[in-house]
Amino acid sequence: MSRETILAAINALPADVNASELEETLERLVFMAKVEEGIRQSEQDETISQEALLKLVQTREK
């Protein structure tokens, strides 16, 4: 996530930001960062197939 994106989110906050507004903004930034990371992983083939995931889940459930 770029510094500009983070600064834009911070600058969009009101001057007298309350705790819930700040928390919501931080949660949105974390979500956006995770989505960007997932896209990057997908583009670099750092993913596993659904079949492999199901096998992994089944193995861990035992």
Foldseek 3Di string as FASTA:
>chain_A
DDPVVVVVLVVPADPPHDPVSVVVSVVVVVVVVVVVVVVVCVVVVVDDDPVVVVVVVVVVVD
